[in-house]
Amino acid sequence: MNSLNIEFFGYIAAILTTAAFLPQLIKTLKTKKAEDVSLVTLIMFICGVGSWIIYGYKISSLPILIANIITLILNLFILISKIYYSRNIR
């Protein structure tokens, strides 16, 4: 496989793994509830995504950078929503 084919798989993976968080974000914003989202898992995932961003930057991989920056933003919105909505319940 040449490098163009490999980049194609990188972009497909980036699109699919990033888009996978949209349903959770939309559900959280619609229902204004996020108690079903694990805070520990979310924080661990955000730390992992941050590591992927550093890795993608160091190896100059645009698919890794783009996917993980967008994923970081989506998951930060989920985290903020979880914290915000949990404080409004009390």
N, C-alpha and C. Protein backbone atom coordinates (compact mmCIF):
# COMPACT_ATOMS: atom_id res chain seq x y z
N MET A 1 0.85 -1.19 0.00
CA MET A 1 0.00 0.00 0.00
C MET A 1 0.88 1.24 0.00
N ASN A 2 0.52 2.18 -0.84
CA ASN A 2 1.32 3.40 -0.83
C ASN A 2 0.83 4.35 0.26
N SER A 3 1.57 5.42 0.48
CA SER A 3 1.25 6.33 1.59
C SER A 3 -0.09 7.03 1.41
N LEU A 4 -0.53 7.23 0.17
CA LEU A 4 -1.85 7.85 -0.06
C LEU A 4 -2.96 6.96 0.48
N ASN A 5 -2.87 5.66 0.25
CA ASN A 5 -3.87 4.73 0.77
C ASN A 5 -3.87 4.71 2.29
N ILE A 6 -2.70 4.78 2.89
CA ILE A 6 -2.60 4.77 4.35
C ILE A 6 -3.22 6.05 4.91
N GLU A 7 -2.98 7.19 4.30
CA GLU A 7 -3.58 8.46 4.73
C GLU A 7 -5.11 8.39 4.65
N PHE A 8 -5.62 7.71 3.62
CA PHE A 8 -7.07 7.55 3.48
C PHE A 8 -7.65 6.87 4.72
N PHE A 9 -7.01 5.78 5.16
CA PHE A 9 -7.48 5.08 6.36
C PHE A 9 -7.35 5.96 7.59
N GLY A 10 -6.33 6.79 7.64
CA GLY A 10 -6.18 7.72 8.76
C GLY A 10 -7.33 8.70 8.81
N TYR A 11 -7.70 9.24 7.68
CA TYR A 11 -8.82 10.19 7.64
C TYR A 11 -10.16 9.51 7.94
N ILE A 12 -10.36 8.30 7.44
CA ILE A 12 -11.61 7.56 7.74
C ILE A 12 -11.69 7.30 9.24
N ALA A 13 -10.59 6.85 9.84
CA ALA A 13 -10.56 6.61 11.28
C ALA A 13 -10.82 7.91 12.04
N ALA A 14 -10.24 8.99 11.59
CA ALA A 14 -10.42 10.29 12.24
C ALA A 14 -11.89 10.72 12.22
N ILE A 15 -12.52 10.57 11.08
CA ILE A 15 -13.92 10.97 10.94
C ILE A 15 -14.82 10.11 11.82
N LEU A 16 -14.64 8.80 11.77
CA LEU A 16 -15.51 7.90 12.52
C LEU A 16 -15.33 8.04 14.03
N THR A 17 -14.10 8.07 14.50
CA THR A 17 -13.89 8.15 15.95
C THR A 17 -14.27 9.50 16.52
N THR A 18 -14.13 10.54 15.74
CA THR A 18 -14.54 11.87 16.20
C THR A 18 -16.05 11.99 16.20
N ALA A 19 -16.69 11.55 15.13
CA ALA A 19 -18.16 11.64 15.03
C ALA A 19 -18.85 10.77 16.07
N ALA A 20 -18.18 9.78 16.60
CA ALA A 20 -18.79 8.89 17.59
C ALA A 20 -19.20 9.63 18.86
N PHE A 21 -18.63 10.80 19.11
CA PHE A 21 -18.97 11.56 20.33
C PHE A 21 -20.11 12.54 20.13
N LEU A 22 -20.49 12.78 18.90
CA LEU A 22 -21.59 13.71 18.64
C LEU A 22 -22.91 13.26 19.26
N PRO A 23 -23.31 11.99 19.15
CA PRO A 23 -24.58 11.58 19.78
C PRO A 23 -24.60 11.81 21.29
N GLN A 24 -23.47 11.56 21.97
CA GLN A 24 -23.44 11.78 23.42
C GLN A 24 -23.56 13.26 23.75
N LEU A 25 -22.86 14.10 23.00
CA LEU A 25 -22.94 15.53 23.24
C LEU A 25 -24.35 16.05 22.97
N ILE A 26 -24.95 15.64 21.87
CA ILE A 26 -26.31 16.07 21.53
C ILE A 26 -27.30 15.61 22.60
N LYS A 27 -27.19 14.35 23.02
CA LYS A 27 -28.08 13.83 24.06
C LYS A 27 -27.91 14.62 25.36
N THR A 28 -26.68 14.89 25.74
CA THR A 28 -26.41 15.63 26.97
C THR A 28 -27.01 17.03 26.90
N LEU A 29 -26.85 17.69 25.78
CA LEU A 29 -27.38 19.05 25.64
C LEU A 29 -28.91 19.06 25.58
N LYS A 30 -29.51 18.06 24.92
CA LYS A 30 -30.97 17.98 24.81
C LYS A 30 -31.63 17.68 26.15
N THR A 31 -31.09 16.68 26.85
CA THR A 31 -31.72 16.24 28.10
C THR A 31 -31.27 17.05 29.31
N LYS A 32 -30.19 17.80 29.14
CA LYS A 32 -29.58 18.56 30.23
C LYS A 32 -29.23 17.64 31.41
N LYS A 33 -28.85 16.42 31.06
CA LYS A 33 -28.43 15.42 32.05
C LYS A 33 -27.18 14.74 31.54
N ALA A 34 -26.27 14.46 32.47
CA ALA A 34 -25.05 13.75 32.08
C ALA A 34 -24.61 12.78 33.17
N GLU A 35 -25.55 12.37 34.02
CA GLU A 35 -25.16 11.48 35.10
C GLU A 35 -24.75 10.10 34.59
N ASP A 36 -25.18 9.75 33.37
CA ASP A 36 -24.80 8.45 32.81
C ASP A 36 -23.40 8.45 32.21
N VAL A 37 -22.75 9.61 32.20
CA VAL A 37 -21.39 9.72 31.68
C VAL A 37 -20.42 9.63 32.87
N SER A 38 -19.50 8.69 32.83
CA SER A 38 -18.54 8.50 33.91
C SER A 38 -17.50 9.63 33.90
N LEU A 39 -17.39 10.34 35.00
CA LEU A 39 -16.44 11.45 35.12
C LEU A 39 -15.00 10.95 35.02
N VAL A 40 -14.70 9.85 35.68
CA VAL A 40 -13.34 9.30 35.64
C VAL A 40 -12.96 8.89 34.22
N THR A 41 -13.87 8.19 33.56
CA THR A 41 -13.61 7.76 32.18
C THR A 41 -13.42 8.96 31.27
N LEU A 42 -14.25 9.97 31.44
CA LEU A 42 -14.16 11.18 30.61
C LEU A 42 -12.83 11.89 30.82
N ILE A 43 -12.40 12.04 32.05
CA ILE A 43 -11.12 12.70 32.33
C ILE A 43 -9.95 11.88 31.78
N MET A 44 -10.00 10.56 31.97
CA MET A 44 -8.94 9.71 31.42
C MET A 44 -8.90 9.81 29.90
N PHE A 45 -10.07 9.82 29.28
CA PHE A 45 -10.13 9.91 27.82
C PHE A 45 -9.57 11.25 27.33
N ILE A 46 -9.91 12.34 28.00
CA ILE A 46 -9.42 13.66 27.62
C ILE A 46 -7.89 13.70 27.75
N CYS A 47 -7.35 13.11 28.80
CA CYS A 47 -5.88 13.04 28.95
C CYS A 47 -5.26 12.23 27.81
N GLY A 48 -5.91 11.13 27.44
CA GLY A 48 -5.42 10.31 26.33
C GLY A 48 -5.47 11.06 25.01
N VAL A 49 -6.53 11.79 24.78
CA VAL A 49 -6.66 12.59 23.56
C VAL A 49 -5.58 13.67 23.52
N GLY A 50 -5.31 14.28 24.66
CA GLY A 50 -4.23 15.26 24.73
C GLY A 50 -2.89 14.65 24.36
N SER A 51 -2.67 13.42 24.81
CA SER A 51 -1.44 12.71 24.45
C SER A 51 -1.38 12.41 22.96
N TRP A 52 -2.52 12.04 22.36
CA TRP A 52 -2.57 11.81 20.92
C TRP A 52 -2.26 13.09 20.15
N ILE A 53 -2.71 14.23 20.66
CA ILE A 53 -2.43 15.50 19.99
C ILE A 53 -0.93 15.77 20.00
N ILE A 54 -0.29 15.56 21.14
CA ILE A 54 1.17 15.74 21.22
C ILE A 54 1.88 14.79 20.27
N TYR A 55 1.46 13.54 20.26
CA TYR A 55 2.05 12.53 19.38
C TYR A 55 1.86 12.91 17.91
N GLY A 56 0.63 13.28 17.55
CA GLY A 56 0.34 13.66 16.17
C GLY A 56 1.15 14.86 15.73
N TYR A 57 1.36 15.79 16.63
CA TYR A 57 2.17 16.98 16.32
C TYR A 57 3.63 16.57 16.08
N LYS A 58 4.13 15.73 16.97
CA LYS A 58 5.55 15.33 16.88
C LYS A 58 5.84 14.51 15.63
N ILE A 59 4.89 13.72 15.16
CA ILE A 59 5.13 12.93 13.94
C ILE A 59 4.54 13.60 12.70
N SER A 60 4.01 14.81 12.88
CA SER A 60 3.43 15.58 11.77
C SER A 60 2.31 14.84 11.05
N SER A 61 1.40 14.27 11.82
CA SER A 61 0.28 13.53 11.23
C SER A 61 -0.99 14.37 11.30
N LEU A 62 -1.38 14.89 10.17
CA LEU A 62 -2.58 15.73 10.10
C LEU A 62 -3.85 14.99 10.51
N PRO A 63 -4.08 13.73 10.07
CA PRO A 63 -5.29 13.03 10.51
C PRO A 63 -5.36 12.88 12.03
N ILE A 64 -4.25 12.54 12.65
CA ILE A 64 -4.24 12.38 14.11
C ILE A 64 -4.50 13.71 14.78
N LEU A 65 -3.87 14.77 14.31
CA LEU A 65 -4.06 16.10 14.90
C LEU A 65 -5.50 16.58 14.77
N ILE A 66 -6.03 16.56 13.57
CA ILE A 66 -7.38 17.08 13.32
C ILE A 66 -8.41 16.30 14.14
N ALA A 67 -8.35 14.98 14.06
CA ALA A 67 -9.33 14.14 14.76
C ALA A 67 -9.28 14.38 16.26
N ASN A 68 -8.10 14.43 16.81
CA ASN A 68 -8.00 14.53 18.26
C ASN A 68 -8.25 15.93 18.78
N ILE A 69 -7.97 16.94 18.01
CA ILE A 69 -8.32 18.30 18.44
C ILE A 69 -9.84 18.45 18.48
N ILE A 70 -10.51 17.97 17.44
CA ILE A 70 -11.98 18.04 17.41
C ILE A 70 -12.56 17.17 18.52
N THR A 71 -12.02 15.96 18.71
CA THR A 71 -12.49 15.07 19.77
C THR A 71 -12.29 15.71 21.14
N LEU A 72 -11.16 16.37 21.33
CA LEU A 72 -10.90 17.07 22.60
C LEU A 72 -11.95 18.13 22.85
N ILE A 73 -12.26 18.91 21.84
CA ILE A 73 -13.26 19.97 21.98
C ILE A 73 -14.63 19.38 22.33
N LEU A 74 -15.05 18.35 21.60
CA LEU A 74 -16.34 17.71 21.88
C LEU A 74 -16.39 17.16 23.31
N ASN A 75 -15.33 16.50 23.73
CA ASN A 75 -15.32 15.91 25.06
C ASN A 75 -15.19 16.96 26.16
N LEU A 76 -14.55 18.07 25.88
CA LEU A 76 -14.53 19.17 26.85
C LEU A 76 -15.93 19.73 27.03
N PHE A 77 -16.69 19.84 25.93
CA PHE A 77 -18.09 20.27 26.03
C PHE A 77 -18.91 19.28 26.87
N ILE A 78 -18.67 17.99 26.67
CA ILE A 78 -19.38 16.98 27.46
C ILE A 78 -18.99 17.11 28.94
N LEU A 79 -17.71 17.29 29.22
CA LEU A 79 -17.24 17.46 30.59
C LEU A 79 -17.84 18.70 31.24
N ILE A 80 -17.81 19.81 30.52
CA ILE A 80 -18.39 21.05 31.05
C ILE A 80 -19.88 20.86 31.31
N SER A 81 -20.57 20.21 30.38
CA SER A 81 -22.00 19.95 30.54
C SER A 81 -22.26 19.07 31.76
N LYS A 82 -21.45 18.04 31.93
CA LYS A 82 -21.62 17.14 33.07
C LYS A 82 -21.47 17.92 34.37
N ILE A 83 -20.45 18.73 34.47
CA ILE A 83 -20.22 19.52 35.69
C ILE A 83 -21.34 20.53 35.89
N TYR A 84 -21.70 21.23 34.84
CA TYR A 84 -22.74 22.26 34.92
C TYR A 84 -24.09 21.66 35.33
N TYR A 85 -24.50 20.60 34.64
CA TYR A 85 -25.81 20.01 34.91
C TYR A 85 -25.85 19.31 36.27
N SER A 86 -24.74 18.76 36.71
CA SER A 86 -24.74 18.11 38.03
C SER A 86 -24.85 19.15 39.15
N ARG A 87 -24.33 20.32 38.94
CA ARG A 87 -24.44 21.40 39.95
C ARG A 87 -25.83 21.99 39.98
N ASN A 88 -26.54 21.98 38.87
CA ASN A 88 -27.89 22.55 38.82
C ASN A 88 -28.95 21.61 39.41
N ILE A 89 -28.60 20.34 39.61
CA ILE A 89 -29.56 19.37 40.15
C ILE A 89 -29.75 19.62 41.66
N ARG A 90 -28.71 20.00 42.33
CA ARG A 90 -28.76 20.15 43.79
C ARG A 90 -29.57 21.29 44.24
